[in-house]
Amino acid sequence: SPAQKTSDKRESPKSKPEPKPKPKPKPKAKSVEPVPYNRIMEGVVFVLSGFQNPFRGELRDKALAMGARYRPDWTPDSTHL
């Protein structure tokens, strides 16, 4: 009968689905101070490849002005090519 079929579909108390973990609340945004222009690329060590002067020099000068360090060749401390 239809009543028996619905009772067959019920889950036994032993097989309860595991509760989904609640997502952790995101931390409230702190007031962010703007980064000074000369520190935007702090920690970046870059190498240029495939650019010809004068554009190569312009890229290098702009990145240096933003706090990056330049290497003429790839070195173990290079972070960007």
Protein backbone atom coordinates (compact mmCIF):
# COMPACT_ATOMS: atom_id res chain seq x y z
CA SER A 1 0.00 0.00 0.00
CA PRO A 2 1.15 3.64 -0.40
CA ALA A 3 1.48 4.04 3.37
CA GLN A 4 3.97 1.20 3.52
CA LYS A 5 6.06 2.66 0.70
CA THR A 6 6.46 5.99 2.47
CA SER A 7 7.44 4.26 5.69
CA ASP A 8 10.11 2.31 3.79
CA LYS A 9 11.66 5.58 2.62
CA ARG A 10 12.10 6.95 6.12
CA GLU A 11 15.65 6.96 7.37
CA SER A 12 16.42 5.07 10.51
CA PRO A 13 17.58 7.19 13.46
CA LYS A 14 21.03 5.58 13.20
CA SER A 15 21.69 6.95 9.69
CA LYS A 16 21.21 10.67 10.29
CA PRO A 17 23.06 12.78 7.75
CA GLU A 18 26.04 14.56 9.23
CA PRO A 19 25.34 18.23 9.86
CA LYS A 20 27.08 20.55 7.45
CA PRO A 21 29.76 22.63 9.10
CA LYS A 22 28.66 26.22 9.47
CA PRO A 23 30.78 28.66 7.46
CA LYS A 24 32.98 30.78 9.66
CA PRO A 25 31.92 34.41 9.75
CA LYS A 26 34.18 36.66 7.74
CA PRO A 27 36.29 38.99 9.82
CA LYS A 28 35.04 42.55 9.81
CA ALA A 29 36.88 44.76 7.37
CA LYS A 30 39.44 46.88 9.14
CA SER A 31 39.98 50.42 8.05
CA VAL A 32 42.56 50.03 5.32
CA GLU A 33 45.18 52.71 5.01
CA PRO A 34 46.34 53.45 1.48
CA VAL A 35 49.79 52.16 0.62
CA PRO A 36 52.25 54.92 -0.27
CA TYR A 37 53.10 54.97 -3.98
CA ASN A 38 56.76 54.23 -3.33
CA ARG A 39 55.85 51.02 -1.44
CA ILE A 40 53.19 49.50 -3.73
CA MET A 41 55.62 46.95 -5.17
CA GLU A 42 57.66 46.43 -2.03
CA GLY A 43 58.98 42.85 -1.97
CA VAL A 44 58.87 42.48 -5.77
CA VAL A 45 62.13 41.61 -7.50
CA PHE A 46 61.64 41.77 -11.26
CA VAL A 47 63.51 40.94 -14.45
CA LEU A 48 62.53 42.33 -17.85
CA SER A 49 62.62 40.24 -21.00
CA GLY A 50 61.49 41.03 -24.51
CA PHE A 51 61.22 44.81 -24.12
CA GLN A 52 63.40 47.18 -26.11
CA ASN A 53 64.54 50.62 -25.03
CA PRO A 54 63.19 53.19 -24.48
CA PHE A 55 60.09 51.29 -23.24
CA ARG A 56 62.25 48.88 -21.22
CA GLY A 57 63.78 51.80 -19.32
CA GLU A 58 60.37 53.35 -18.69
CA LEU A 59 59.00 50.10 -17.23
CA ARG A 60 62.07 49.67 -15.05
CA ASP A 61 61.94 53.26 -13.77
CA LYS A 62 58.22 53.06 -12.95
CA ALA A 63 58.56 49.77 -11.07
CA LEU A 64 61.58 51.09 -9.14
CA ALA A 65 59.63 54.23 -8.23
CA MET A 66 56.91 51.97 -6.79
CA GLY A 67 59.38 50.18 -4.53
CA ALA A 68 60.34 47.14 -6.60
CA ARG A 69 63.90 45.91 -7.03
CA TYR A 70 65.34 45.26 -10.50
CA ARG A 71 67.70 42.51 -11.64
CA PRO A 72 69.21 42.57 -15.15
CA ASP A 73 69.23 38.74 -15.14
CA TRP A 74 67.13 36.08 -13.40
CA THR A 75 68.37 35.34 -9.88
CA PRO A 76 67.07 33.03 -7.14
CA ASP A 77 65.45 36.02 -5.38
CA SER A 78 63.55 37.13 -8.52
CA THR A 79 59.78 37.08 -8.08
CA HIS A 80 58.49 38.41 -11.41
CA LEU A 81 59.60 38.13 -15.05
